[in-house]
Amino acid sequence: MELLIVMTIIGALITLTVPATQRVLGKSKAAHCLNNLRQLGSALNLYLGDHNNTMPTLVAARSSKDADEQVIETTLNTYAENPEIFHCPADNKHLFETTGSSYQWDNLLNAQNVASMDIMGFIKDGSRIPVMYDKESFHKYQDVKVNILYADGHAANSLQFVTSGDGK
């Protein structure tokens, strides 16, 4: 009888700790993902320095590694120290393995000069212009399920590109 009580208590403790552990691991993966996006922002800055501060012309993402298209991982790979920065650790759909990156490019920025960037003519503030972001909603323990790199170089898990109407 005592063994049954002990096993019930252990079962209850496991029931309580497993979800908490999953949340902590999920948040850790999201933080690693944000760091990857910051490193991709650094790689993009190196690219911009070599290309007159003009954004590359890329497709948002490719469907497989075999596709012959210019995407972030084929353009920024020479500026990235580690190819793993293209891999979000929360990528449970294995997009990195199949397509080459867990992140996609905002092709509204194609060929824009950094000094005069805007989104559809009304968002001009770099802190609100998304550059690249998770291909899927990988981060289920966040309010916003994707991480985003913005044009000013900061990465966040919050939507900041909503317009206020004044272009800022």
N, C-alpha and C. Protein backbone atom coordinates (compact mmCIF):
# COMPACT_ATOMS: atom_id res chain seq x y z
N MET A 1 0.82 -1.19 0.00
CA MET A 1 0.00 0.00 0.00
C MET A 1 0.86 1.26 0.00
N GLU A 2 1.93 1.27 0.83
CA GLU A 2 2.82 2.42 0.87
C GLU A 2 3.49 2.64 -0.48
N LEU A 3 3.85 1.57 -1.15
CA LEU A 3 4.47 1.66 -2.47
C LEU A 3 3.50 2.31 -3.46
N LEU A 4 2.26 1.98 -3.38
CA LEU A 4 1.25 2.56 -4.26
C LEU A 4 1.11 4.07 -4.02
N ILE A 5 1.16 4.48 -2.78
CA ILE A 5 1.08 5.91 -2.45
C ILE A 5 2.31 6.64 -2.98
N VAL A 6 3.48 6.06 -2.79
CA VAL A 6 4.72 6.66 -3.29
C VAL A 6 4.67 6.78 -4.81
N MET A 7 4.21 5.74 -5.49
CA MET A 7 4.13 5.78 -6.95
C MET A 7 3.11 6.83 -7.41
N THR A 8 2.03 7.01 -6.71
CA THR A 8 1.03 8.03 -7.05
C THR A 8 1.62 9.42 -6.90
N ILE A 9 2.38 9.63 -5.83
CA ILE A 9 3.02 10.93 -5.61
C ILE A 9 4.04 11.21 -6.71
N ILE A 10 4.85 10.22 -7.05
CA ILE A 10 5.85 10.38 -8.12
C ILE A 10 5.16 10.68 -9.44
N GLY A 11 4.07 9.98 -9.73
CA GLY A 11 3.31 10.23 -10.96
C GLY A 11 2.76 11.65 -11.01
N ALA A 12 2.25 12.13 -9.89
CA ALA A 12 1.73 13.49 -9.82
C ALA A 12 2.84 14.51 -10.04
N LEU A 13 4.00 14.28 -9.45
CA LEU A 13 5.14 15.19 -9.64
C LEU A 13 5.59 15.22 -11.09
N ILE A 14 5.64 14.08 -11.73
CA ILE A 14 6.02 14.02 -13.14
C ILE A 14 5.00 14.78 -13.99
N THR A 15 3.74 14.60 -13.68
CA THR A 15 2.68 15.30 -14.41
C THR A 15 2.83 16.81 -14.32
N LEU A 16 3.31 17.29 -13.18
CA LEU A 16 3.49 18.72 -12.99
C LEU A 16 4.78 19.24 -13.62
N THR A 17 5.84 18.46 -13.61
CA THR A 17 7.14 18.96 -14.06
C THR A 17 7.35 18.85 -15.57
N VAL A 18 6.74 17.89 -16.24
CA VAL A 18 6.97 17.72 -17.68
C VAL A 18 6.52 18.95 -18.47
N PRO A 19 5.31 19.48 -18.30
CA PRO A 19 4.94 20.68 -19.06
C PRO A 19 5.84 21.89 -18.76
N ALA A 20 6.23 22.04 -17.51
CA ALA A 20 7.11 23.16 -17.15
C ALA A 20 8.47 23.01 -17.85
N THR A 21 8.98 21.79 -17.88
CA THR A 21 10.25 21.53 -18.56
C THR A 21 10.13 21.80 -20.05
N GLN A 22 9.03 21.41 -20.66
CA GLN A 22 8.82 21.67 -22.08
C GLN A 22 8.77 23.17 -22.37
N ARG A 23 8.12 23.93 -21.51
CA ARG A 23 8.07 25.39 -21.67
C ARG A 23 9.46 26.00 -21.59
N VAL A 24 10.24 25.56 -20.62
CA VAL A 24 11.60 26.08 -20.45
C VAL A 24 12.45 25.74 -21.68
N LEU A 25 12.36 24.52 -22.16
CA LEU A 25 13.11 24.13 -23.36
C LEU A 25 12.65 24.93 -24.58
N GLY A 26 11.35 25.14 -24.70
CA GLY A 26 10.82 25.93 -25.81
C GLY A 26 11.32 27.36 -25.79
N LYS A 27 11.35 27.96 -24.61
CA LYS A 27 11.85 29.33 -24.49
C LYS A 27 13.35 29.40 -24.76
N SER A 28 14.08 28.36 -24.38
CA SER A 28 15.51 28.30 -24.66
C SER A 28 15.76 28.23 -26.17
N LYS A 29 14.98 27.42 -26.86
CA LYS A 29 15.11 27.32 -28.33
C LYS A 29 14.75 28.64 -29.00
N ALA A 30 13.75 29.33 -28.48
CA ALA A 30 13.35 30.62 -29.04
C ALA A 30 14.48 31.65 -28.85
N ALA A 31 15.14 31.63 -27.70
CA ALA A 31 16.26 32.54 -27.46
C ALA A 31 17.42 32.24 -28.40
N HIS A 32 17.69 30.96 -28.62
CA HIS A 32 18.75 30.55 -29.57
C HIS A 32 18.39 31.03 -30.97
N CYS A 33 17.12 30.91 -31.34
CA CYS A 33 16.65 31.36 -32.64
C CYS A 33 16.86 32.87 -32.80
N LEU A 34 16.53 33.64 -31.78
CA LEU A 34 16.75 35.09 -31.83
C LEU A 34 18.23 35.41 -32.03
N ASN A 35 19.09 34.65 -31.37
CA ASN A 35 20.53 34.85 -31.55
C ASN A 35 20.94 34.53 -32.98
N ASN A 36 20.39 33.47 -33.56
CA ASN A 36 20.67 33.14 -34.97
C ASN A 36 20.28 34.30 -35.88
N LEU A 37 19.11 34.88 -35.65
CA LEU A 37 18.66 35.99 -36.48
C LEU A 37 19.57 37.20 -36.32
N ARG A 38 20.06 37.46 -35.11
CA ARG A 38 21.01 38.57 -34.92
C ARG A 38 22.30 38.31 -35.70
N GLN A 39 22.77 37.06 -35.68
CA GLN A 39 23.97 36.73 -36.45
C GLN A 39 23.72 36.84 -37.95
N LEU A 40 22.52 36.47 -38.39
CA LEU A 40 22.18 36.65 -39.80
C LEU A 40 22.13 38.14 -40.15
N GLY A 41 21.69 38.97 -39.20
CA GLY A 41 21.72 40.41 -39.40
C GLY A 41 23.15 40.93 -39.56
N SER A 42 24.08 40.37 -38.79
CA SER A 42 25.49 40.74 -38.94
C SER A 42 26.03 40.31 -40.30
N ALA A 43 25.66 39.11 -40.73
CA ALA A 43 26.08 38.63 -42.05
C ALA A 43 25.50 39.53 -43.14
N LEU A 44 24.25 39.94 -42.98
CA LEU A 44 23.63 40.84 -43.95
C LEU A 44 24.36 42.19 -43.99
N ASN A 45 24.77 42.69 -42.83
CA ASN A 45 25.53 43.95 -42.80
C ASN A 45 26.85 43.83 -43.55
N LEU A 46 27.52 42.69 -43.42
CA LEU A 46 28.75 42.47 -44.18
C LEU A 46 28.46 42.45 -45.68
N TYR A 47 27.38 41.79 -46.06
CA TYR A 47 26.95 41.76 -47.46
C TYR A 47 26.69 43.18 -47.96
N LEU A 48 25.95 43.95 -47.17
CA LEU A 48 25.61 45.32 -47.57
C LEU A 48 26.86 46.17 -47.77
N GLY A 49 27.86 45.96 -46.92
CA GLY A 49 29.11 46.68 -47.07
C GLY A 49 29.80 46.39 -48.39
N ASP A 50 29.65 45.20 -48.91
CA ASP A 50 30.25 44.82 -50.19
C ASP A 50 29.38 45.17 -51.39
N HIS A 51 28.13 45.61 -51.15
CA HIS A 51 27.19 45.84 -52.26
C HIS A 51 26.51 47.21 -52.18
N ASN A 52 27.28 48.24 -51.85
CA ASN A 52 26.79 49.62 -51.83
C ASN A 52 25.52 49.81 -51.02
N ASN A 53 25.40 49.11 -49.90
CA ASN A 53 24.23 49.21 -49.01
C ASN A 53 22.92 48.92 -49.71
N THR A 54 22.97 48.03 -50.71
CA THR A 54 21.76 47.63 -51.43
C THR A 54 21.39 46.22 -51.03
N MET A 55 20.14 46.06 -50.64
CA MET A 55 19.64 44.75 -50.23
C MET A 55 19.73 43.77 -51.41
N PRO A 56 19.99 42.50 -51.11
CA PRO A 56 20.02 41.51 -52.19
C PRO A 56 18.63 41.29 -52.78
N THR A 57 18.60 40.75 -53.98
CA THR A 57 17.35 40.38 -54.63
C THR A 57 17.20 38.88 -54.47
N LEU A 58 16.26 38.47 -53.62
CA LEU A 58 16.11 37.06 -53.27
C LEU A 58 14.64 36.66 -53.34
N VAL A 59 14.42 35.36 -53.51
CA VAL A 59 13.07 34.85 -53.33
C VAL A 59 12.88 34.64 -51.83
N ALA A 60 11.64 34.62 -51.37
CA ALA A 60 11.38 34.48 -49.94
C ALA A 60 11.99 33.21 -49.38
N ALA A 61 11.79 32.09 -50.07
CA ALA A 61 12.31 30.79 -49.64
C ALA A 61 12.24 29.84 -50.82
N ARG A 62 12.97 28.75 -50.72
CA ARG A 62 12.89 27.73 -51.78
C ARG A 62 12.26 26.48 -51.21
N SER A 63 11.74 25.66 -52.11
CA SER A 63 11.02 24.46 -51.68
C SER A 63 11.94 23.30 -51.34
N SER A 64 13.16 23.31 -51.87
CA SER A 64 14.12 22.25 -51.54
C SER A 64 15.53 22.78 -51.76
N LYS A 65 16.50 22.09 -51.21
CA LYS A 65 17.90 22.49 -51.39
C LYS A 65 18.32 22.38 -52.85
N ASP A 66 17.61 21.56 -53.63
CA ASP A 66 17.95 21.36 -55.04
C ASP A 66 17.51 22.52 -55.92
N ALA A 67 16.58 23.35 -55.44
CA ALA A 67 16.08 24.47 -56.24
C ALA A 67 17.20 25.47 -56.47
N ASP A 68 17.36 25.91 -57.71
CA ASP A 68 18.42 26.85 -58.07
C ASP A 68 17.86 28.28 -58.00
N GLU A 69 17.74 28.77 -56.75
CA GLU A 69 17.19 30.10 -56.53
C GLU A 69 18.06 30.84 -55.53
N GLN A 70 18.11 32.16 -55.66
CA GLN A 70 18.85 32.97 -54.71
C GLN A 70 17.98 33.19 -53.47
N VAL A 71 18.45 32.68 -52.35
CA VAL A 71 17.77 32.80 -51.06
C VAL A 71 18.80 33.22 -50.01
N ILE A 72 18.36 33.47 -48.79
CA ILE A 72 19.30 33.97 -47.78
C ILE A 72 20.48 33.03 -47.56
N GLU A 73 20.21 31.71 -47.53
CA GLU A 73 21.31 30.79 -47.23
C GLU A 73 22.32 30.66 -48.36
N THR A 74 21.93 30.93 -49.60
CA THR A 74 22.89 30.88 -50.71
C THR A 74 23.60 32.22 -50.89
N THR A 75 23.01 33.29 -50.42
CA THR A 75 23.59 34.63 -50.57
C THR A 75 24.45 35.02 -49.38
N LEU A 76 23.99 34.70 -48.19
CA LEU A 76 24.72 35.11 -46.98
C LEU A 76 25.68 34.05 -46.45
N ASN A 77 25.70 32.87 -47.07
CA ASN A 77 26.55 31.79 -46.55
C ASN A 77 28.02 32.17 -46.49
N THR A 78 28.50 32.98 -47.43
CA THR A 78 29.92 33.36 -47.40
C THR A 78 30.21 34.39 -46.30
N TYR A 79 29.19 35.02 -45.77
CA TYR A 79 29.35 36.02 -44.71
C TYR A 79 29.05 35.43 -43.32
N ALA A 80 28.56 34.23 -43.29
CA ALA A 80 28.21 33.58 -42.02
C ALA A 80 29.33 32.63 -41.61
N GLU A 81 29.75 32.72 -40.37
CA GLU A 81 30.83 31.86 -39.88
C GLU A 81 30.38 30.42 -39.73
N ASN A 82 29.11 30.22 -39.41
CA ASN A 82 28.61 28.88 -39.12
C ASN A 82 27.29 28.66 -39.85
N PRO A 83 27.19 27.65 -40.69
CA PRO A 83 25.93 27.41 -41.41
C PRO A 83 24.76 27.07 -40.50
N GLU A 84 25.03 26.73 -39.26
CA GLU A 84 23.95 26.41 -38.32
C GLU A 84 23.11 27.63 -37.95
N ILE A 85 23.59 28.85 -38.26
CA ILE A 85 22.77 30.03 -37.95
C ILE A 85 21.52 30.09 -38.84
N PHE A 86 21.49 29.30 -39.90
CA PHE A 86 20.30 29.21 -40.75
C PHE A 86 19.29 28.20 -40.20
N HIS A 87 19.61 27.61 -39.05
CA HIS A 87 18.79 26.54 -38.47
C HIS A 87 18.19 26.98 -37.15
N CYS A 88 16.88 27.16 -37.13
CA CYS A 88 16.19 27.44 -35.87
C CYS A 88 16.10 26.13 -35.09
N PRO A 89 16.56 26.11 -33.84
CA PRO A 89 16.52 24.86 -33.08
C PRO A 89 15.11 24.36 -32.79
N ALA A 90 14.11 25.21 -32.95
CA ALA A 90 12.71 24.79 -32.74
C ALA A 90 12.06 24.32 -34.04
N ASP A 91 12.82 24.25 -35.12
CA ASP A 91 12.31 23.83 -36.43
C ASP A 91 11.93 22.36 -36.39
N ASN A 92 10.70 22.07 -35.99
CA ASN A 92 10.25 20.69 -35.85
C ASN A 92 9.71 20.12 -37.17
N LYS A 93 9.71 20.93 -38.22
CA LYS A 93 9.27 20.46 -39.54
C LYS A 93 10.46 20.13 -40.44
N HIS A 94 11.66 20.26 -39.89
CA HIS A 94 12.91 19.92 -40.59
C HIS A 94 13.09 20.72 -41.87
N LEU A 95 12.67 21.98 -41.85
CA LEU A 95 12.82 22.84 -43.02
C LEU A 95 14.28 23.14 -43.32
N PHE A 96 15.09 23.26 -42.28
CA PHE A 96 16.52 23.49 -42.49
C PHE A 96 17.13 22.33 -43.30
N GLU A 97 16.80 21.12 -42.91
CA GLU A 97 17.36 19.95 -43.60
C GLU A 97 16.86 19.85 -45.04
N THR A 98 15.60 20.18 -45.29
CA THR A 98 15.03 20.00 -46.63
C THR A 98 15.21 21.20 -47.55
N THR A 99 15.22 22.43 -46.97
CA THR A 99 15.29 23.62 -47.83
C THR A 99 16.59 24.41 -47.66
N GLY A 100 17.34 24.16 -46.59
CA GLY A 100 18.58 24.87 -46.37
C GLY A 100 18.50 25.97 -45.32
N SER A 101 17.28 26.33 -44.91
CA SER A 101 17.12 27.37 -43.89
C SER A 101 15.78 27.24 -43.19
N SER A 102 15.76 27.62 -41.94
CA SER A 102 14.50 27.69 -41.18
C SER A 102 13.89 29.08 -41.30
N TYR A 103 14.58 30.00 -41.98
CA TYR A 103 14.17 31.40 -42.07
C TYR A 103 13.86 31.78 -43.50
N GLN A 104 13.02 32.80 -43.65
CA GLN A 104 12.73 33.30 -44.99
C GLN A 104 12.93 34.80 -45.07
N TRP A 105 13.12 35.27 -46.27
CA TRP A 105 13.45 36.65 -46.59
C TRP A 105 12.17 37.43 -46.91
N ASP A 106 12.16 38.69 -46.52
CA ASP A 106 11.07 39.58 -46.90
C ASP A 106 11.41 40.18 -48.26
N ASN A 107 10.86 39.60 -49.33
CA ASN A 107 11.26 40.03 -50.66
C ASN A 107 10.70 41.40 -51.06
N LEU A 108 9.95 42.06 -50.19
CA LEU A 108 9.56 43.45 -50.44
C LEU A 108 10.77 44.38 -50.34
N LEU A 109 11.85 43.87 -49.75
CA LEU A 109 13.07 44.67 -49.60
C LEU A 109 14.05 44.49 -50.74
N ASN A 110 13.74 43.64 -51.69
CA ASN A 110 14.67 43.34 -52.78
C ASN A 110 15.18 44.60 -53.47
N ALA A 111 16.51 44.69 -53.56
CA ALA A 111 17.24 45.75 -54.27
C ALA A 111 17.02 47.15 -53.70
N GLN A 112 16.47 47.26 -52.51
CA GLN A 112 16.30 48.59 -51.90
C GLN A 112 17.60 49.04 -51.25
N ASN A 113 17.86 50.31 -51.32
CA ASN A 113 19.01 50.88 -50.64
C ASN A 113 18.65 51.08 -49.17
N VAL A 114 19.58 50.74 -48.30
CA VAL A 114 19.33 50.80 -46.86
C VAL A 114 18.94 52.22 -46.42
N ALA A 115 19.51 53.22 -47.03
CA ALA A 115 19.24 54.60 -46.62
C ALA A 115 17.82 55.06 -46.94
N SER A 116 17.17 54.38 -47.88
CA SER A 116 15.82 54.83 -48.28
C SER A 116 14.82 53.68 -48.30
N MET A 117 15.00 52.70 -47.43
CA MET A 117 14.09 51.55 -47.40
C MET A 117 12.70 51.94 -46.96
N ASP A 118 11.72 51.26 -47.54
CA ASP A 118 10.35 51.37 -47.06
C ASP A 118 9.58 50.13 -47.47
N ILE A 119 8.48 49.93 -46.79
CA ILE A 119 7.58 48.82 -47.11
C ILE A 119 6.31 49.42 -47.69
N MET A 120 6.06 49.13 -48.94
CA MET A 120 4.86 49.57 -49.64
C MET A 120 4.62 51.07 -49.52
N GLY A 121 5.69 51.83 -49.37
CA GLY A 121 5.58 53.27 -49.35
C GLY A 121 5.14 53.91 -48.05
N PHE A 122 4.86 53.12 -47.01
CA PHE A 122 4.39 53.76 -45.79
C PHE A 122 5.11 53.38 -44.52
N ILE A 123 5.93 52.35 -44.48
CA ILE A 123 6.73 52.06 -43.29
C ILE A 123 8.19 52.32 -43.66
N LYS A 124 8.77 53.33 -43.05
CA LYS A 124 10.13 53.74 -43.36
C LYS A 124 11.10 53.57 -42.19
N ASP A 125 10.58 53.33 -41.01
CA ASP A 125 11.38 53.19 -39.80
C ASP A 125 11.98 51.79 -39.76
N GLY A 126 13.31 51.70 -39.79
CA GLY A 126 14.00 50.40 -39.82
C GLY A 126 13.68 49.50 -38.64
N SER A 127 13.28 50.09 -37.52
CA SER A 127 12.95 49.26 -36.37
C SER A 127 11.60 48.58 -36.53
N ARG A 128 10.90 48.87 -37.63
CA ARG A 128 9.60 48.28 -37.88
C ARG A 128 9.53 47.56 -39.22
N ILE A 129 10.65 47.46 -39.92
CA ILE A 129 10.68 46.78 -41.22
C ILE A 129 11.25 45.38 -41.03
N PRO A 130 10.43 44.33 -41.20
CA PRO A 130 10.95 42.96 -41.07
C PRO A 130 11.84 42.60 -42.25
N VAL A 131 12.97 41.97 -41.95
CA VAL A 131 13.91 41.56 -43.00
C VAL A 131 13.83 40.06 -43.24
N MET A 132 13.88 39.30 -42.15
CA MET A 132 13.72 37.84 -42.25
C MET A 132 13.10 37.33 -40.96
N TYR A 133 12.51 36.13 -41.07
CA TYR A 133 11.75 35.59 -39.95
C TYR A 133 11.60 34.09 -40.11
N ASP A 134 11.13 33.42 -39.06
CA ASP A 134 10.89 31.98 -39.11
C ASP A 134 9.93 31.65 -40.24
N LYS A 135 10.19 30.53 -40.94
CA LYS A 135 9.29 30.10 -42.01
C LYS A 135 7.95 29.62 -41.47
N GLU A 136 7.93 29.12 -40.27
CA GLU A 136 6.71 28.58 -39.67
C GLU A 136 6.59 29.08 -38.24
N SER A 137 5.47 28.83 -37.63
CA SER A 137 5.24 29.20 -36.23
C SER A 137 5.88 28.15 -35.32
N PHE A 138 7.19 28.25 -35.15
CA PHE A 138 7.94 27.25 -34.39
C PHE A 138 7.81 27.41 -32.88
N HIS A 139 7.52 28.61 -32.41
CA HIS A 139 7.65 28.92 -30.98
C HIS A 139 6.29 28.98 -30.30
N LYS A 140 5.80 27.83 -29.90
CA LYS A 140 4.44 27.74 -29.37
C LYS A 140 4.30 28.31 -27.96
N TYR A 141 5.39 28.60 -27.28
CA TYR A 141 5.30 29.15 -25.92
C TYR A 141 5.44 30.68 -25.91
N GLN A 142 5.34 31.32 -27.07
CA GLN A 142 5.38 32.77 -27.17
C GLN A 142 4.02 33.26 -27.65
N ASP A 143 3.71 34.52 -27.36
CA ASP A 143 2.46 35.09 -27.89
C ASP A 143 2.52 35.16 -29.41
N VAL A 144 3.62 35.68 -29.94
CA VAL A 144 3.86 35.69 -31.37
C VAL A 144 4.73 34.48 -31.65
N LYS A 145 4.29 33.59 -32.49
CA LYS A 145 4.92 32.28 -32.65
C LYS A 145 6.15 32.28 -33.55
N VAL A 146 6.51 33.44 -34.12
CA VAL A 146 7.69 33.54 -34.96
C VAL A 146 8.64 34.60 -34.40
N ASN A 147 9.92 34.44 -34.68
CA ASN A 147 10.92 35.44 -34.35
C ASN A 147 11.23 36.22 -35.63
N ILE A 148 11.53 37.50 -35.48
CA ILE A 148 11.68 38.39 -36.63
C ILE A 148 12.96 39.22 -36.48
N LEU A 149 13.72 39.34 -37.57
CA LEU A 149 14.86 40.26 -37.64
C LEU A 149 14.38 41.51 -38.35
N TYR A 150 14.59 42.67 -37.73
CA TYR A 150 14.18 43.94 -38.30
C TYR A 150 15.36 44.65 -38.96
N ALA A 151 15.05 45.61 -39.82
CA ALA A 151 16.07 46.29 -40.63
C ALA A 151 17.09 47.06 -39.80
N ASP A 152 16.75 47.47 -38.60
CA ASP A 152 17.73 48.18 -37.77
C ASP A 152 18.68 47.21 -37.06
N GLY A 153 18.50 45.90 -37.28
CA GLY A 153 19.40 44.90 -36.73
C GLY A 153 18.91 44.20 -35.47
N HIS A 154 17.81 44.65 -34.90
CA HIS A 154 17.34 43.97 -33.70
C HIS A 154 16.41 42.82 -34.09
N ALA A 155 16.43 41.79 -33.26
CA ALA A 155 15.56 40.63 -33.46
C ALA A 155 14.61 40.58 -32.29
N ALA A 156 13.36 40.23 -32.58
CA ALA A 156 12.34 40.22 -31.53
C ALA A 156 11.29 39.16 -31.84
N ASN A 157 10.51 38.85 -30.81
CA ASN A 157 9.39 37.93 -31.00
C ASN A 157 8.09 38.69 -30.88
N SER A 158 8.13 39.95 -31.31
CA SER A 158 6.92 40.78 -31.28
C SER A 158 6.75 41.47 -32.62
N LEU A 159 5.51 41.68 -32.99
CA LEU A 159 5.19 42.37 -34.24
C LEU A 159 5.37 43.86 -34.04
N GLN A 160 6.22 44.47 -34.86
CA GLN A 160 6.50 45.90 -34.72
C GLN A 160 6.29 46.64 -36.03
N PHE A 161 5.77 45.95 -37.04
CA PHE A 161 5.65 46.59 -38.34
C PHE A 161 4.25 47.08 -38.66
N VAL A 162 3.43 47.22 -37.64
CA VAL A 162 2.10 47.79 -37.84
C VAL A 162 2.27 49.29 -38.04
N THR A 163 1.63 49.84 -39.04
CA THR A 163 1.81 51.25 -39.35
C THR A 163 0.93 52.14 -38.48
N SER A 164 1.46 53.29 -38.16
CA SER A 164 0.67 54.26 -37.40
C SER A 164 0.08 55.31 -38.33
N GLY A 165 0.37 55.16 -39.62
CA GLY A 165 -0.18 56.10 -40.60
C GLY A 165 0.76 57.24 -40.93
N ASP A 166 1.81 57.47 -40.12
CA ASP A 166 2.72 58.58 -40.40
C ASP A 166 4.05 58.11 -40.99
N GLY A 167 4.16 56.81 -41.32
CA GLY A 167 5.37 56.29 -41.93
C GLY A 167 6.49 55.99 -40.97
N LYS A 168 6.25 56.14 -39.71
CA LYS A 168 7.30 55.88 -38.73
C LYS A 168 7.11 54.55 -38.07
